[in-house]
C-alpha atoms as a PDB file:
ATOM      1  CA  GLN A   1     -23.994 -16.502-192.731  1.00  0.00           C
ATOM      2  CA  VAL A   2     -21.628 -14.988-195.268  1.00  0.00           C
ATOM      3  CA  HIS A   3     -22.008 -11.859-197.352  1.00  0.00           C
ATOM      4  CA  LEU A   4     -20.116 -10.962-200.511  1.00  0.00           C
ATOM      5  CA  VAL A   5     -20.031  -7.271-201.346  1.00  0.00           C
ATOM      6  CA  GLU A   6     -18.917  -6.276-204.821  1.00  0.00           C
ATOM      7  CA  SER A   7     -17.823  -2.869-206.029  1.00  0.00           C
ATOM      8  CA  GLY A   8     -16.039  -1.200-208.906  1.00  0.00           C
ATOM      9  CA  GLY A   9     -18.329  -1.773-211.862  1.00  0.00           C
ATOM     10  CA  GLY A  10     -19.428   0.951-214.215  1.00  0.00           C
ATOM     11  CA  LEU A  11     -19.172   2.406-217.691  1.00  0.00           C
ATOM     12  CA  VAL A  12     -15.814   2.549-219.427  1.00  0.00           C
ATOM     13  CA  GLN A  13     -14.670   3.261-222.966  1.00  0.00           C
ATOM     14  CA  PRO A  14     -13.060   0.557-225.095  1.00  0.00           C
ATOM     15  CA  GLY A  15      -9.413   0.174-224.194  1.00  0.00           C
ATOM     16  CA  GLY A  16     -10.017   1.408-220.683  1.00  0.00           C
ATOM     17  CA  SER A  17      -9.597  -0.248-217.302  1.00  0.00           C
ATOM     18  CA  LEU A  18     -11.687  -1.084-214.282  1.00  0.00           C
ATOM     19  CA  ARG A  19     -10.933  -2.707-210.956  1.00  0.00           C
ATOM     20  CA  LEU A  20     -13.546  -4.843-209.265  1.00  0.00           C
ATOM     21  CA  SER A  21     -13.464  -5.713-205.580  1.00  0.00           C
ATOM     22  CA  CYS A  22     -15.281  -8.409-203.668  1.00  0.00           C
ATOM     23  CA  ALA A  23     -15.166  -8.523-199.886  1.00  0.00           C
ATOM     24  CA  ALA A  24     -16.396 -11.491-197.892  1.00  0.00           C
ATOM     25  CA  SER A  25     -17.687 -11.056-194.375  1.00  0.00           C
ATOM     26  CA  GLY A  26     -19.453 -13.138-191.775  1.00  0.00           C
ATOM     27  CA  SER A  27     -18.769 -16.407-189.997  1.00  0.00           C
ATOM     28  CA  ILE A  28     -15.834 -17.380-192.194  1.00  0.00           C
ATOM     29  CA  HIS A  29     -13.511 -20.170-191.202  1.00  0.00           C
ATOM     30  CA  THR A  30     -11.647 -20.648-194.483  1.00  0.00           C
ATOM     31  CA  ILE A  31     -12.089 -19.303-197.983  1.00  0.00           C
ATOM     32  CA  ARG A  32     -11.464 -22.282-200.265  1.00  0.00           C
ATOM     33  CA  VAL A  33     -11.955 -20.603-203.631  1.00  0.00           C
ATOM     34  CA  MET A  34     -12.931 -17.069-204.522  1.00  0.00           C
ATOM     35  CA  GLY A  35     -13.274 -15.251-207.779  1.00  0.00           C
ATOM     36  CA  TRP A  36     -15.402 -13.856-210.542  1.00  0.00           C
ATOM     37  CA  TYR A  37     -17.854 -15.041-213.163  1.00  0.00           C
ATOM     38  CA  ARG A  38     -19.687 -12.946-215.704  1.00  0.00           C
ATOM     39  CA  GLN A  39     -22.945 -13.161-217.575  1.00  0.00           C
ATOM     40  CA  ALA A  40     -23.746 -11.226-220.710  1.00  0.00           C
ATOM     41  CA  PRO A  41     -27.374 -10.758-221.828  1.00  0.00           C
ATOM     42  CA  GLY A  42     -28.767 -13.986-223.225  1.00  0.00           C
ATOM     43  CA  MET A  43     -25.609 -15.902-222.398  1.00  0.00           C
ATOM     44  CA  GLN A  44     -24.571 -18.401-219.758  1.00  0.00           C
ATOM     45  CA  ARG A  45     -22.546 -17.382-216.769  1.00  0.00           C
ATOM     46  CA  VAL A  46     -18.876 -18.087-217.445  1.00  0.00           C
ATOM     47  CA  LEU A  47     -15.651 -18.125-215.518  1.00  0.00           C
ATOM     48  CA  VAL A  48     -13.522 -14.993-215.442  1.00  0.00           C
ATOM     49  CA  ALA A  49     -10.949 -15.882-212.788  1.00  0.00           C
ATOM     50  CA  THR A  50     -10.696 -17.707-209.485  1.00  0.00           C
ATOM     51  CA  ILE A  51      -8.038 -18.165-206.828  1.00  0.00           C
ATOM     52  CA  THR A  52      -7.756 -21.103-204.463  1.00  0.00           C
ATOM     53  CA  GLU A  53      -6.826 -21.147-200.825  1.00  0.00           C
ATOM     54  CA  GLY A  54      -3.325 -22.166-201.879  1.00  0.00           C
ATOM     55  CA  GLY A  55      -2.994 -19.308-204.323  1.00  0.00           C
ATOM     56  CA  SER A  56      -3.570 -21.087-207.627  1.00  0.00           C
ATOM     57  CA  ILE A  57      -5.285 -18.843-210.166  1.00  0.00           C
ATOM     58  CA  VAL A  58      -7.388 -19.958-213.113  1.00  0.00           C
ATOM     59  CA  TYR A  59      -8.477 -17.547-215.824  1.00  0.00           C
ATOM     60  CA  GLY A  60     -11.323 -17.973-218.277  1.00  0.00           C
ATOM     61  CA  ASP A  61     -10.641 -18.384-221.971  1.00  0.00           C
ATOM     62  CA  SER A  62     -11.761 -14.897-222.929  1.00  0.00           C
ATOM     63  CA  VAL A  63      -9.532 -13.105-220.457  1.00  0.00           C
ATOM     64  CA  ASN A  64      -6.113 -13.821-221.992  1.00  0.00           C
ATOM     65  CA  ASP A  65      -3.552 -11.627-220.282  1.00  0.00           C
ATOM     66  CA  ARG A  66      -5.804  -8.584-219.904  1.00  0.00           C
ATOM     67  CA  PHE A  67      -7.194  -9.356-216.470  1.00  0.00           C
ATOM     68  CA  THR A  68      -5.330  -9.935-213.207  1.00  0.00           C
ATOM     69  CA  LEU A  69      -6.823 -11.481-210.094  1.00  0.00           C
ATOM     70  CA  SER A  70      -5.310 -10.785-206.703  1.00  0.00           C
ATOM     71  CA  ARG A  71      -6.369 -11.008-203.091  1.00  0.00           C
ATOM     72  CA  ASP A  72      -5.861  -9.528-199.673  1.00  0.00           C
ATOM     73  CA  ASP A  73      -6.183 -12.333-197.142  1.00  0.00           C
ATOM     74  CA  ALA A  74      -6.358  -9.973-194.195  1.00  0.00           C
ATOM     75  CA  LYS A  75      -9.436  -8.347-195.709  1.00  0.00           C
ATOM     76  CA  ASN A  76     -10.997 -11.504-197.234  1.00  0.00           C
ATOM     77  CA  THR A  77     -11.083  -9.553-200.466  1.00  0.00           C
ATOM     78  CA  VAL A  78     -10.288 -10.343-204.066  1.00  0.00           C
ATOM     79  CA  TYR A  79      -9.568  -7.789-206.761  1.00  0.00           C
ATOM     80  CA  LEU A  80     -10.004  -8.117-210.490  1.00  0.00           C
ATOM     81  CA  GLN A  81      -7.937  -5.643-212.469  1.00  0.00           C
ATOM     82  CA  MET A  82      -9.355  -5.451-215.981  1.00  0.00           C
ATOM     83  CA  ASN A  83      -7.310  -3.761-218.695  1.00  0.00           C
ATOM     84  CA  ARG A  84      -7.807  -3.216-222.417  1.00  0.00           C
ATOM     85  CA  LEU A  85     -11.523  -3.696-222.052  1.00  0.00           C
ATOM     86  CA  SER A  86     -13.632  -4.281-225.131  1.00  0.00           C
ATOM     87  CA  PRO A  87     -17.408  -4.218-225.715  1.00  0.00           C
ATOM     88  CA  GLU A  88     -17.324  -8.028-225.528  1.00  0.00           C
ATOM     89  CA  ASP A  89     -16.473  -7.688-221.848  1.00  0.00           C
ATOM     90  CA  THR A  90     -19.820  -6.054-221.149  1.00  0.00           C
ATOM     91  CA  ALA A  91     -21.659  -8.203-218.627  1.00  0.00           C
ATOM     92  CA  VAL A  92     -22.810  -8.494-215.061  1.00  0.00           C
ATOM     93  CA  TYR A  93     -19.831  -9.661-213.023  1.00  0.00           C
ATOM     94  CA  TYR A  94     -20.574 -11.918-210.065  1.00  0.00           C
ATOM     95  CA  CYS A  95     -18.308 -12.696-207.165  1.00  0.00           C
ATOM     96  CA  ASP A  96     -18.347 -16.319-206.060  1.00  0.00           C
ATOM     97  CA  ALA A  97     -16.776 -17.965-203.050  1.00  0.00           C
ATOM     98  CA  TRP A  98     -16.588 -21.445-201.572  1.00  0.00           C
ATOM     99  CA  ILE A  99     -16.242 -20.873-197.868  1.00  0.00           C
ATOM    100  CA  THR A 100     -15.950 -23.177-194.889  1.00  0.00           C
ATOM    101  CA  VAL A 101     -18.272 -22.117-192.101  1.00  0.00           C
ATOM    102  CA  LEU A 102     -19.401 -23.871-188.936  1.00  0.00           C
ATOM    103  CA  ASP A 103     -21.500 -26.535-190.687  1.00  0.00           C
ATOM    104  CA  GLY A 104     -19.226 -27.172-193.660  1.00  0.00           C
ATOM    105  CA  ASP A 105     -18.418 -25.797-197.102  1.00  0.00           C
ATOM    106  CA  HIS A 106     -20.942 -23.653-198.917  1.00  0.00           C
ATOM    107  CA  ASP A 107     -21.040 -21.648-202.120  1.00  0.00           C
ATOM    108  CA  TRP A 108     -21.985 -17.991-201.938  1.00  0.00           C
ATOM    109  CA  TRP A 109     -22.649 -15.476-204.705  1.00  0.00           C
ATOM    110  CA  GLY A 110     -22.610 -11.719-204.701  1.00  0.00           C
ATOM    111  CA  GLN A 111     -25.418  -9.621-206.113  1.00  0.00           C
ATOM    112  CA  GLY A 112     -23.487  -8.755-209.258  1.00  0.00           C
ATOM    113  CA  THR A 113     -21.997  -5.562-210.593  1.00  0.00           C
ATOM    114  CA  GLN A 114     -22.570  -4.234-214.092  1.00  0.00           C
ATOM    115  CA  VAL A 115     -19.612  -3.576-216.360  1.00  0.00           C
ATOM    116  CA  THR A 116     -20.411  -1.762-219.588  1.00  0.00           C
ATOM    117  CA  VAL A 117     -17.764  -1.099-222.199  1.00  0.00           C
ATOM    118  CA  SER A 118     -18.973   1.399-224.742  1.00  0.00           C
ATOM    119  CA  SER A 119     -17.910   4.552-226.507  1.00  0.00           C
END
């Protein structure tokens, strides 16, 4: 079993910054891909950023150069630094990870953390 624990969401004013963290724990053999998706009210869940086992990072279209994804392999943790936030970034942010465990690769999701950008 694997658990993803997210933290760092909250309320921030337009132009501000937040840093999200997602820590994976459990019977982890290898983290294949790990990253973030977001879902605004009434919208589909979309990619924010992911990082592969080899270190390749993919960012979603709406991120541009405002967000930076990084990771700490020793802690099985990824960080999403979000700068120059706008109200359009308001959403529930979900951590997602493809992880190899004893019986193969599985996809796990965190519980989500709310990010609200408002003055």
